[in-house]
C-alpha atoms as a PDB file:
ATOM      1  CA  MET A   1    -157.666-101.703 -46.525  1.00  0.00           C
ATOM      2  CA  ARG A   2    -155.000 -99.192 -47.638  1.00  0.00           C
ATOM      3  CA  TRP A   3    -157.529 -96.268 -47.633  1.00  0.00           C
ATOM      4  CA  LEU A   4    -159.018 -97.381 -44.321  1.00  0.00           C
ATOM      5  CA  LEU A   5    -155.325 -97.640 -42.720  1.00  0.00           C
ATOM      6  CA  LEU A   6    -154.510 -94.025 -44.007  1.00  0.00           C
ATOM      7  CA  ALA A   7    -157.545 -92.431 -42.865  1.00  0.00           C
ATOM      8  CA  VAL A   8    -157.046 -94.036 -39.419  1.00  0.00           C
ATOM      9  CA  GLY A   9    -153.226 -92.925 -39.733  1.00  0.00           C
ATOM     10  CA  ALA A  10    -154.285 -89.355 -40.382  1.00  0.00           C
ATOM     11  CA  GLY A  11    -157.153 -89.387 -37.632  1.00  0.00           C
ATOM     12  CA  VAL A  12    -154.436 -90.638 -35.146  1.00  0.00           C
ATOM     13  CA  ALA A  13    -151.704 -87.827 -36.618  1.00  0.00           C
ATOM     14  CA  LEU A  14    -154.515 -85.236 -35.987  1.00  0.00           C
ATOM     15  CA  TRP A  15    -155.363 -86.454 -32.556  1.00  0.00           C
ATOM     16  CA  LEU A  16    -151.975 -87.235 -31.149  1.00  0.00           C
ATOM     17  CA  PRO A  17    -151.122 -83.453 -29.452  1.00  0.00           C
ATOM     18  CA  ASN A  18    -154.327 -84.152 -27.970  1.00  0.00           C
ATOM     19  CA  GLY A  19    -154.111 -87.475 -26.070  1.00  0.00           C
ATOM     20  CA  LEU A  20    -149.789 -87.055 -25.476  1.00  0.00           C
ATOM     21  CA  TYR A  21    -147.991 -84.077 -24.368  1.00  0.00           C
ATOM     22  CA  ALA A  22    -146.955 -81.654 -27.517  1.00  0.00           C
ATOM     23  CA  PRO A  23    -143.332 -81.715 -27.596  1.00  0.00           C
ATOM     24  CA  VAL A  24    -143.551 -85.383 -26.954  1.00  0.00           C
ATOM     25  CA  ALA A  25    -145.635 -85.407 -30.732  1.00  0.00           C
ATOM     26  CA  VAL A  26    -143.798 -83.303 -32.202  1.00  0.00           C
ATOM     27  CA  GLU A  27    -140.739 -85.482 -31.568  1.00  0.00           C
ATOM     28  CA  MET A  28    -142.511 -88.587 -33.200  1.00  0.00           C
ATOM     29  CA  LEU A  29    -142.854 -86.418 -36.290  1.00  0.00           C
ATOM     30  CA  CYS A  30    -138.872 -85.633 -36.397  1.00  0.00           C
ATOM     31  CA  TRP A  31    -137.998 -89.327 -35.600  1.00  0.00           C
ATOM     32  CA  ALA A  32    -140.323 -90.600 -38.014  1.00  0.00           C
ATOM     33  CA  LEU A  33    -138.860 -88.710 -40.882  1.00  0.00           C
ATOM     34  CA  PHE A  34    -135.553 -89.620 -40.102  1.00  0.00           C
ATOM     35  CA  ALA A  35    -136.485 -93.453 -39.717  1.00  0.00           C
ATOM     36  CA  VAL A  36    -138.364 -93.168 -43.072  1.00  0.00           C
ATOM     37  CA  ALA A  37    -135.208 -91.666 -44.490  1.00  0.00           C
ATOM     38  CA  ILE A  38    -133.125 -94.290 -43.091  1.00  0.00           C
ATOM     39  CA  ASP A  39    -135.841 -97.185 -44.631  1.00  0.00           C
ATOM     40  CA  LEU A  40    -135.123 -96.520 -48.087  1.00  0.00           C
ATOM     41  CA  LEU A  41    -131.686 -96.430 -47.903  1.00  0.00           C
ATOM     42  CA  LEU A  42    -131.572-100.220 -46.070  1.00  0.00           C
ATOM     43  CA  GLY A  43    -134.796-101.016 -46.980  1.00  0.00           C
ATOM     44  CA  TYR A  44    -134.817-100.515 -50.282  1.00  0.00           C
ATOM     45  CA  THR A  45    -131.653 -99.938 -51.456  1.00  0.00           C
ATOM     46  CA  GLY A  46    -130.069-102.544 -49.156  1.00  0.00           C
ATOM     47  CA  LEU A  47    -127.393-100.143 -47.778  1.00  0.00           C
ATOM     48  CA  LEU A  48    -126.852 -99.544 -43.866  1.00  0.00           C
ATOM     49  CA  SER A  49    -126.133 -96.425 -43.128  1.00  0.00           C
ATOM     50  CA  PHE A  50    -124.435 -95.430 -39.240  1.00  0.00           C
ATOM     51  CA  GLY A  51    -123.590 -91.841 -40.702  1.00  0.00           C
ATOM     52  CA  HIS A  52    -127.099 -90.289 -41.191  1.00  0.00           C
ATOM     53  CA  ALA A  53    -126.877 -88.175 -37.855  1.00  0.00           C
ATOM     54  CA  ALA A  54    -124.467 -86.001 -40.086  1.00  0.00           C
ATOM     55  CA  PHE A  55    -127.393 -85.112 -42.254  1.00  0.00           C
ATOM     56  CA  TRP A  56    -129.546 -84.852 -39.610  1.00  0.00           C
ATOM     57  CA  GLY A  57    -127.118 -82.531 -37.931  1.00  0.00           C
ATOM     58  CA  SER A  58    -126.169 -80.614 -40.398  1.00  0.00           C
ATOM     59  CA  SER A  59    -129.164 -79.480 -41.307  1.00  0.00           C
ATOM     60  CA  ALA A  60    -130.411 -78.633 -37.707  1.00  0.00           C
ATOM     61  CA  TYR A  61    -127.581 -76.070 -37.263  1.00  0.00           C
ATOM     62  CA  VAL A  62    -127.878 -74.930 -41.183  1.00  0.00           C
ATOM     63  CA  THR A  63    -131.859 -74.372 -40.125  1.00  0.00           C
ATOM     64  CA  GLY A  64    -130.894 -73.001 -36.527  1.00  0.00           C
ATOM     65  CA  LEU A  65    -128.895 -70.435 -37.682  1.00  0.00           C
ATOM     66  CA  ILE A  66    -130.495 -68.939 -40.595  1.00  0.00           C
ATOM     67  CA  ALA A  67    -134.006 -68.670 -38.191  1.00  0.00           C
ATOM     68  CA  ILE A  68    -131.788 -66.940 -36.017  1.00  0.00           C
ATOM     69  CA  ASN A  69    -129.540 -64.687 -38.547  1.00  0.00           C
ATOM     70  CA  LEU A  70    -131.947 -64.046 -41.594  1.00  0.00           C
ATOM     71  CA  GLY A  71    -135.491 -64.532 -39.192  1.00  0.00           C
ATOM     72  CA  TRP A  72    -136.610 -66.938 -42.197  1.00  0.00           C
ATOM     73  CA  PRO A  73    -139.842 -68.508 -41.929  1.00  0.00           C
ATOM     74  CA  PHE A  74    -139.799 -71.899 -40.083  1.00  0.00           C
ATOM     75  CA  PRO A  75    -140.796 -73.953 -43.009  1.00  0.00           C
ATOM     76  CA  LEU A  76    -138.210 -72.114 -45.638  1.00  0.00           C
ATOM     77  CA  ALA A  77    -135.360 -72.605 -43.188  1.00  0.00           C
ATOM     78  CA  VAL A  78    -136.204 -76.308 -42.737  1.00  0.00           C
ATOM     79  CA  LEU A  79    -135.779 -76.875 -46.386  1.00  0.00           C
ATOM     80  CA  ALA A  80    -132.919 -74.803 -46.584  1.00  0.00           C
ATOM     81  CA  GLY A  81    -131.262 -77.222 -44.105  1.00  0.00           C
ATOM     82  CA  ALA A  82    -132.468 -80.276 -45.798  1.00  0.00           C
ATOM     83  CA  LEU A  83    -131.048 -79.057 -49.127  1.00  0.00           C
ATOM     84  CA  ALA A  84    -127.918 -78.496 -47.426  1.00  0.00           C
ATOM     85  CA  ALA A  85    -127.702 -82.207 -46.150  1.00  0.00           C
ATOM     86  CA  ALA A  86    -128.429 -83.102 -49.466  1.00  0.00           C
ATOM     87  CA  GLY A  87    -125.386 -81.237 -50.895  1.00  0.00           C
ATOM     88  CA  LEU A  88    -123.539 -82.757 -48.279  1.00  0.00           C
ATOM     89  CA  ALA A  89    -124.493 -86.067 -49.354  1.00  0.00           C
ATOM     90  CA  VAL A  90    -123.329 -85.961 -52.770  1.00  0.00           C
ATOM     91  CA  PRO A  91    -119.789 -86.053 -52.135  1.00  0.00           C
ATOM     92  CA  ILE A  92    -120.126 -88.731 -49.115  1.00  0.00           C
ATOM     93  CA  GLY A  93    -122.094 -90.669 -51.377  1.00  0.00           C
ATOM     94  CA  TYR A  94    -120.200 -90.495 -54.044  1.00  0.00           C
ATOM     95  CA  LEU A  95    -117.275 -92.428 -52.009  1.00  0.00           C
ATOM     96  CA  ALA A  96    -119.683 -94.354 -50.204  1.00  0.00           C
ATOM     97  CA  VAL A  97    -121.688 -96.378 -52.302  1.00  0.00           C
ATOM     98  CA  ARG A  98    -118.960 -97.517 -54.037  1.00  0.00           C
ATOM     99  CA  ARG A  99    -118.432 -99.721 -51.237  1.00  0.00           C
ATOM    100  CA  THR A 100    -121.443-102.563 -49.858  1.00  0.00           C
ATOM    101  CA  GLY A 101    -121.903-104.102 -46.654  1.00  0.00           C
ATOM    102  CA  ILE A 102    -119.570-103.288 -43.596  1.00  0.00           C
ATOM    103  CA  TYR A 103    -117.781-101.071 -45.390  1.00  0.00           C
ATOM    104  CA  PHE A 104    -120.017 -98.784 -46.439  1.00  0.00           C
ATOM    105  CA  ALA A 105    -121.216 -98.463 -43.160  1.00  0.00           C
ATOM    106  CA  MET A 106    -118.050 -97.874 -42.111  1.00  0.00           C
ATOM    107  CA  VAL A 107    -117.256 -95.111 -44.770  1.00  0.00           C
ATOM    108  CA  THR A 108    -120.119 -93.360 -43.668  1.00  0.00           C
ATOM    109  CA  LEU A 109    -119.621 -93.520 -40.155  1.00  0.00           C
ATOM    110  CA  ALA A 110    -116.227 -92.171 -40.589  1.00  0.00           C
ATOM    111  CA  PHE A 111    -117.375 -89.242 -42.175  1.00  0.00           C
ATOM    112  CA  ALA A 112    -120.294 -89.144 -40.044  1.00  0.00           C
ATOM    113  CA  GLN A 113    -117.108 -88.956 -37.430  1.00  0.00           C
ATOM    114  CA  MET A 114    -115.318 -86.007 -39.228  1.00  0.00           C
ATOM    115  CA  VAL A 115    -118.494 -83.798 -39.918  1.00  0.00           C
ATOM    116  CA  TYR A 116    -119.184 -84.344 -35.585  1.00  0.00           C
ATOM    117  CA  TYR A 117    -115.462 -82.935 -34.914  1.00  0.00           C
ATOM    118  CA  ILE A 118    -115.521 -80.161 -37.587  1.00  0.00           C
ATOM    119  CA  ALA A 119    -119.033 -78.737 -35.516  1.00  0.00           C
ATOM    120  CA  ASN A 120    -117.279 -79.138 -32.053  1.00  0.00           C
ATOM    121  CA  GLU A 121    -114.028 -77.292 -33.530  1.00  0.00           C
ATOM    122  CA  TRP A 122    -116.126 -74.630 -35.808  1.00  0.00           C
ATOM    123  CA  ARG A 123    -116.956 -72.659 -32.585  1.00  0.00           C
ATOM    124  CA  SER A 124    -117.570 -69.337 -34.547  1.00  0.00           C
ATOM    125  CA  VAL A 125    -120.422 -70.693 -35.985  1.00  0.00           C
ATOM    126  CA  THR A 126    -121.687 -73.654 -33.872  1.00  0.00           C
ATOM    127  CA  ARG A 127    -120.590 -72.742 -30.614  1.00  0.00           C
ATOM    128  CA  GLY A 128    -119.350 -75.829 -29.838  1.00  0.00           C
ATOM    129  CA  GLU A 129    -120.426 -77.590 -26.989  1.00  0.00           C
ATOM    130  CA  ASN A 130    -122.712 -74.947 -26.046  1.00  0.00           C
ATOM    131  CA  GLY A 131    -124.756 -75.411 -28.842  1.00  0.00           C
ATOM    132  CA  ILE A 132    -127.363 -72.919 -30.816  1.00  0.00           C
ATOM    133  CA  GLN A 133    -129.706 -71.641 -28.269  1.00  0.00           C
ATOM    134  CA  ASP A 134    -133.148 -69.528 -28.360  1.00  0.00           C
ATOM    135  CA  VAL A 135    -134.055 -70.634 -31.828  1.00  0.00           C
ATOM    136  CA  PRO A 136    -137.097 -68.417 -33.504  1.00  0.00           C
ATOM    137  CA  ARG A 137    -139.952 -70.389 -34.211  1.00  0.00           C
ATOM    138  CA  THR A 138    -142.302 -68.207 -36.631  1.00  0.00           C
ATOM    139  CA  LEU A 139    -144.555 -68.580 -39.770  1.00  0.00           C
ATOM    140  CA  PHE A 140    -144.658 -65.304 -41.350  1.00  0.00           C
ATOM    141  CA  GLY A 141    -145.234 -63.268 -38.620  1.00  0.00           C
ATOM    142  CA  LEU A 142    -146.881 -65.674 -36.558  1.00  0.00           C
ATOM    143  CA  ASP A 143    -145.334 -66.713 -33.342  1.00  0.00           C
ATOM    144  CA  LEU A 144    -145.304 -70.547 -32.818  1.00  0.00           C
ATOM    145  CA  SER A 145    -143.695 -70.403 -29.785  1.00  0.00           C
ATOM    146  CA  ASP A 146    -146.669 -73.078 -28.599  1.00  0.00           C
ATOM    147  CA  GLU A 147    -145.830 -76.432 -29.034  1.00  0.00           C
ATOM    148  CA  TYR A 148    -149.429 -77.373 -29.451  1.00  0.00           C
ATOM    149  CA  TYR A 149    -149.727 -74.908 -32.689  1.00  0.00           C
ATOM    150  CA  PHE A 150    -146.360 -75.921 -34.066  1.00  0.00           C
ATOM    151  CA  TYR A 151    -147.230 -79.678 -34.121  1.00  0.00           C
ATOM    152  CA  TYR A 152    -150.293 -78.647 -36.925  1.00  0.00           C
ATOM    153  CA  ALA A 153    -147.588 -76.446 -38.553  1.00  0.00           C
ATOM    154  CA  ALA A 154    -145.155 -78.864 -39.056  1.00  0.00           C
ATOM    155  CA  LEU A 155    -147.165 -81.780 -39.684  1.00  0.00           C
ATOM    156  CA  PRO A 156    -148.024 -81.108 -43.359  1.00  0.00           C
ATOM    157  CA  ILE A 157    -144.205 -80.717 -43.490  1.00  0.00           C
ATOM    158  CA  VAL A 158    -143.729 -84.040 -42.469  1.00  0.00           C
ATOM    159  CA  ALA A 159    -146.918 -85.569 -44.793  1.00  0.00           C
ATOM    160  CA  LEU A 160    -144.999 -84.365 -47.855  1.00  0.00           C
ATOM    161  CA  GLY A 161    -141.977 -85.836 -46.980  1.00  0.00           C
ATOM    162  CA  LEU A 162    -143.559 -89.509 -46.034  1.00  0.00           C
ATOM    163  CA  PHE A 163    -146.344 -88.979 -49.490  1.00  0.00           C
ATOM    164  CA  GLY A 164    -142.472 -88.061 -51.447  1.00  0.00           C
ATOM    165  CA  ALA A 165    -140.725 -91.518 -50.001  1.00  0.00           C
ATOM    166  CA  TRP A 166    -144.033 -93.435 -50.605  1.00  0.00           C
ATOM    167  CA  ARG A 167    -144.024 -92.194 -54.718  1.00  0.00           C
ATOM    168  CA  ILE A 168    -140.565 -93.096 -54.535  1.00  0.00           C
ATOM    169  CA  VAL A 169    -140.725 -96.499 -53.250  1.00  0.00           C
ATOM    170  CA  HIS A 170    -143.665 -97.190 -55.640  1.00  0.00           C
ATOM    171  CA  SER A 171    -142.046 -95.732 -58.716  1.00  0.00           C
ATOM    172  CA  PRO A 172    -140.051 -97.293 -61.417  1.00  0.00           C
ATOM    173  CA  PHE A 173    -137.042 -95.518 -60.022  1.00  0.00           C
ATOM    174  CA  GLY A 174    -137.929 -97.395 -56.480  1.00  0.00           C
ATOM    175  CA  ARG A 175    -138.493-100.786 -58.294  1.00  0.00           C
ATOM    176  CA  VAL A 176    -134.990-100.374 -59.762  1.00  0.00           C
ATOM    177  CA  LEU A 177    -133.409 -99.574 -56.456  1.00  0.00           C
ATOM    178  CA  VAL A 178    -134.948-103.207 -55.157  1.00  0.00           C
ATOM    179  CA  ALA A 179    -133.190-104.959 -58.203  1.00  0.00           C
ATOM    180  CA  VAL A 180    -130.000-103.037 -57.035  1.00  0.00           C
ATOM    181  CA  ARG A 181    -130.635-104.156 -53.275  1.00  0.00           C
ATOM    182  CA  ASP A 182    -131.226-107.997 -54.588  1.00  0.00           C
ATOM    183  CA  ASN A 183    -129.149-108.679 -57.643  1.00  0.00           C
ATOM    184  CA  PRO A 184    -126.950-105.575 -58.204  1.00  0.00           C
ATOM    185  CA  ALA A 185    -124.753-107.654 -60.975  1.00  0.00           C
ATOM    186  CA  ARG A 186    -127.908-108.244 -62.843  1.00  0.00           C
ATOM    187  CA  ALA A 187    -129.027-105.026 -62.534  1.00  0.00           C
ATOM    188  CA  ARG A 188    -125.919-103.482 -64.025  1.00  0.00           C
ATOM    189  CA  ALA A 189    -126.305-106.385 -66.705  1.00  0.00           C
ATOM    190  CA  LEU A 190    -129.777-105.383 -67.824  1.00  0.00           C
ATOM    191  CA  GLY A 191    -128.435-101.550 -68.272  1.00  0.00           C
ATOM    192  CA  TYR A 192    -128.707 -99.481 -64.959  1.00  0.00           C
ATOM    193  CA  PRO A 193    -125.889 -97.658 -63.806  1.00  0.00           C
ATOM    194  CA  VAL A 194    -126.023 -99.437 -60.262  1.00  0.00           C
ATOM    195  CA  HIS A 195    -123.807 -96.639 -58.416  1.00  0.00           C
ATOM    196  CA  ARG A 196    -125.768 -93.708 -59.744  1.00  0.00           C
ATOM    197  CA  TYR A 197    -129.099 -95.011 -58.601  1.00  0.00           C
ATOM    198  CA  LYS A 198    -127.408 -95.764 -55.297  1.00  0.00           C
ATOM    199  CA  LEU A 199    -126.059 -92.167 -55.339  1.00  0.00           C
ATOM    200  CA  LEU A 200    -129.579 -90.725 -55.971  1.00  0.00           C
ATOM    201  CA  ALA A 201    -131.191 -93.046 -53.311  1.00  0.00           C
ATOM    202  CA  PHE A 202    -128.363 -91.547 -50.727  1.00  0.00           C
ATOM    203  CA  VAL A 203    -128.622 -87.983 -51.890  1.00  0.00           C
ATOM    204  CA  LEU A 204    -132.624 -88.575 -50.910  1.00  0.00           C
ATOM    205  CA  SER A 205    -132.125 -90.221 -47.980  1.00  0.00           C
ATOM    206  CA  ALA A 206    -130.283 -87.750 -46.673  1.00  0.00           C
ATOM    207  CA  PHE A 207    -132.514 -84.699 -47.587  1.00  0.00           C
ATOM    208  CA  LEU A 208    -135.600 -86.723 -45.411  1.00  0.00           C
ATOM    209  CA  ALA A 209    -133.049 -86.850 -42.648  1.00  0.00           C
ATOM    210  CA  GLY A 210    -132.564 -83.067 -43.261  1.00  0.00           C
ATOM    211  CA  LEU A 211    -136.259 -82.213 -43.299  1.00  0.00           C
ATOM    212  CA  GLY A 212    -136.399 -84.385 -39.893  1.00  0.00           C
ATOM    213  CA  GLY A 213    -133.068 -82.714 -38.695  1.00  0.00           C
ATOM    214  CA  GLY A 214    -134.677 -79.205 -39.315  1.00  0.00           C
ATOM    215  CA  LEU A 215    -138.008 -79.826 -37.453  1.00  0.00           C
ATOM    216  CA  PHE A 216    -135.720 -81.322 -34.623  1.00  0.00           C
ATOM    217  CA  ALA A 217    -133.924 -77.996 -34.477  1.00  0.00           C
ATOM    218  CA  MET A 218    -137.342 -75.678 -34.437  1.00  0.00           C
ATOM    219  CA  ALA A 219    -139.012 -78.146 -32.121  1.00  0.00           C
ATOM    220  CA  HIS A 220    -136.693 -77.988 -29.388  1.00  0.00           C
ATOM    221  CA  ARG A 221    -135.114 -74.680 -30.672  1.00  0.00           C
ATOM    222  CA  PHE A 222    -131.669 -75.685 -29.482  1.00  0.00           C
ATOM    223  CA  VAL A 223    -128.920 -77.578 -31.177  1.00  0.00           C
ATOM    224  CA  SER A 224    -126.300 -79.375 -29.970  1.00  0.00           C
ATOM    225  CA  LEU A 225    -123.536 -81.749 -30.950  1.00  0.00           C
ATOM    226  CA  ASP A 226    -125.460 -84.812 -29.741  1.00  0.00           C
ATOM    227  CA  THR A 227    -127.420 -84.470 -33.014  1.00  0.00           C
ATOM    228  CA  LEU A 228    -124.423 -85.096 -35.039  1.00  0.00           C
ATOM    229  CA  HIS A 229    -122.934 -88.567 -33.038  1.00  0.00           C
ATOM    230  CA  TRP A 230    -122.777 -91.421 -34.396  1.00  0.00           C
ATOM    231  CA  THR A 231    -125.517 -92.842 -31.765  1.00  0.00           C
ATOM    232  CA  THR A 232    -128.014 -90.842 -33.102  1.00  0.00           C
ATOM    233  CA  SER A 233    -127.883 -93.054 -36.152  1.00  0.00           C
ATOM    234  CA  GLY A 234    -127.911 -95.742 -34.589  1.00  0.00           C
ATOM    235  CA  LYS A 235    -131.098 -94.637 -33.109  1.00  0.00           C
ATOM    236  CA  ALA A 236    -132.338 -94.538 -35.914  1.00  0.00           C
ATOM    237  CA  VAL A 237    -131.609 -97.857 -37.347  1.00  0.00           C
ATOM    238  CA  ILE A 238    -133.067 -99.111 -33.987  1.00  0.00           C
ATOM    239  CA  VAL A 239    -136.544 -97.485 -34.462  1.00  0.00           C
ATOM    240  CA  VAL A 240    -136.427 -99.301 -38.471  1.00  0.00           C
ATOM    241  CA  VAL A 241    -135.772-102.512 -37.422  1.00  0.00           C
ATOM    242  CA  LEU A 242    -138.092-102.133 -34.313  1.00  0.00           C
ATOM    243  CA  GLY A 243    -141.029-100.794 -36.867  1.00  0.00           C
ATOM    244  CA  GLY A 244    -139.849-103.233 -39.840  1.00  0.00           C
ATOM    245  CA  ILE A 245    -136.793-102.914 -42.357  1.00  0.00           C
ATOM    246  CA  GLY A 246    -138.517-102.343 -45.673  1.00  0.00           C
ATOM    247  CA  THR A 247    -142.025-101.537 -44.781  1.00  0.00           C
ATOM    248  CA  LEU A 248    -141.492 -97.441 -44.940  1.00  0.00           C
ATOM    249  CA  TRP A 249    -144.357 -97.249 -42.627  1.00  0.00           C
ATOM    250  CA  GLY A 250    -142.887 -99.105 -40.286  1.00  0.00           C
ATOM    251  CA  GLY A 251    -140.557 -96.480 -39.455  1.00  0.00           C
ATOM    252  CA  VAL A 252    -143.649 -94.037 -38.091  1.00  0.00           C
ATOM    253  CA  VAL A 253    -144.611 -96.803 -36.169  1.00  0.00           C
ATOM    254  CA  GLY A 254    -141.239 -97.411 -34.453  1.00  0.00           C
ATOM    255  CA  SER A 255    -140.693 -93.840 -33.842  1.00  0.00           C
ATOM    256  CA  ALA A 256    -143.602 -93.728 -32.126  1.00  0.00           C
ATOM    257  CA  LEU A 257    -142.837 -96.476 -29.990  1.00  0.00           C
ATOM    258  CA  ILE A 258    -139.505 -95.530 -28.915  1.00  0.00           C
ATOM    259  CA  VAL A 259    -140.465 -91.937 -28.151  1.00  0.00           C
ATOM    260  CA  ARG A 260    -143.002 -92.553 -26.188  1.00  0.00           C
ATOM    261  CA  LEU A 261    -140.999 -95.040 -24.464  1.00  0.00           C
ATOM    262  CA  GLU A 262    -138.229 -93.039 -23.639  1.00  0.00           C
ATOM    263  CA  ASP A 263    -141.005 -90.239 -22.625  1.00  0.00           C
ATOM    264  CA  TRP A 264    -142.633 -92.763 -20.005  1.00  0.00           C
ATOM    265  CA  LEU A 265    -139.268 -93.945 -18.603  1.00  0.00           C
ATOM    266  CA  ALA A 266    -137.681 -90.665 -18.154  1.00  0.00           C
ATOM    267  CA  PHE A 267    -141.052 -89.735 -16.529  1.00  0.00           C
ATOM    268  CA  SER A 268    -140.677 -92.765 -14.206  1.00  0.00           C
ATOM    269  CA  GLY A 269    -137.027 -91.848 -13.476  1.00  0.00           C
ATOM    270  CA  PHE A 270    -135.796 -94.454 -14.942  1.00  0.00           C
ATOM    271  CA  GLU A 271    -131.941 -93.344 -16.376  1.00  0.00           C
ATOM    272  CA  GLN A 272    -130.848 -96.471 -17.702  1.00  0.00           C
ATOM    273  CA  VAL A 273    -133.116 -95.670 -21.276  1.00  0.00           C
ATOM    274  CA  GLY A 274    -130.555 -97.207 -23.705  1.00  0.00           C
ATOM    275  CA  LEU A 275    -130.738-101.026 -21.566  1.00  0.00           C
ATOM    276  CA  VAL A 276    -134.552-101.180 -22.748  1.00  0.00           C
ATOM    277  CA  THR A 277    -134.368 -99.790 -26.025  1.00  0.00           C
ATOM    278  CA  GLY A 278    -131.074-102.371 -26.648  1.00  0.00           C
ATOM    279  CA  GLY A 279    -133.306-105.245 -24.976  1.00  0.00           C
ATOM    280  CA  ILE A 280    -136.467-104.666 -27.423  1.00  0.00           C
ATOM    281  CA  PHE A 281    -134.025-104.603 -30.421  1.00  0.00           C
ATOM    282  CA  VAL A 282    -132.743-108.028 -29.234  1.00  0.00           C
ATOM    283  CA  VAL A 283    -135.913-109.311 -28.756  1.00  0.00           C
ATOM    284  CA  THR A 284    -137.268-107.834 -32.226  1.00  0.00           C
ATOM    285  CA  VAL A 285    -134.800-109.040 -34.331  1.00  0.00           C
ATOM    286  CA  LEU A 286    -134.907-112.771 -32.401  1.00  0.00           C
ATOM    287  CA  LEU A 287    -138.283-113.331 -32.727  1.00  0.00           C
ATOM    288  CA  PHE A 288    -139.644-110.583 -34.621  1.00  0.00           C
ATOM    289  CA  ARG A 289    -137.530-110.480 -37.535  1.00  0.00           C
ATOM    290  CA  ARG A 290    -139.988-108.534 -39.846  1.00  0.00           C
ATOM    291  CA  GLY A 291    -140.429-105.835 -37.242  1.00  0.00           C
ATOM    292  CA  ILE A 292    -143.966-104.771 -36.083  1.00  0.00           C
ATOM    293  CA  TRP A 293    -145.408-103.393 -39.234  1.00  0.00           C
ATOM    294  CA  GLY A 294    -143.934-105.956 -41.410  1.00  0.00           C
ATOM    295  CA  THR A 295    -145.413-108.905 -38.897  1.00  0.00           C
ATOM    296  CA  LEU A 296    -148.579-107.167 -39.328  1.00  0.00           C
ATOM    297  CA  ALA A 297    -148.423-106.809 -42.919  1.00  0.00           C
ATOM    298  CA  ARG A 298    -147.595-110.593 -43.234  1.00  0.00           C
ATOM    299  CA  LEU A 299    -150.773-111.512 -41.089  1.00  0.00           C
ATOM    300  CA  ARG A 300    -153.098-109.807 -42.742  1.00  0.00           C
ATOM    301  CA  ARG A 301    -151.944-111.021 -46.457  1.00  0.00           C
ATOM    302  CA  SER A 302    -152.419-114.394 -44.868  1.00  0.00           C
END
């Protein structure tokens, strides 16, 4: 069954830009990485972050600036942005992981707001509210301005990111994260440095979010302050809850559904997109607490 689902998923990923508008398919890839990053922290470590937009947005800015000023190929620019996000996560995570529950969420939110206001005031670099425009999108001399070809160029990066997340959660390190999530006192009594494990999970999650943010900058060829806003983090949490917390692949499913729904509503001229996504979030929490993918997985096991 696992190999069958993997084959189906690969087939859908290869077909996606042919069945959908190519920019929508690219958007799904970006948000899939962001959702998996949130789920790695929330579903497997038990830490709810409302500040991951800081890593998503900072990576987008670094990626865009490197592509404009240095002319790097887009995979290298995206990797540099993800590494910058991981570097930013080290001091933030060092302070945040010493708190739990709502206090951890508030600390991450506070740091994200600080990053947002720094970006807003540092106009000589970020260009403030105008944002960074006309980000070049090349691959070793090849022009990838066409969204269709860019999708297939970005797909291997997303696949590697998802595979890396899968390996993490199915490794001994991932099992320790689950132990820390379920009973941190017992994990500490068994000799595991709980804070170090949380910090490493936080940094790895920021790296994955940075990969998604860098691809997002390349996909839109534009970076604005919205990528750093706390509502971006909230949307990622909604995507994870919709797909299923602690399922990993639920983030991929949730991102595909939310992006497709928002595109359909925008095409229909409906402006209150948040009202619809918020209603779906409430219904999911009340009726499908395991999310879409989690509910299907439970039915399959039954």
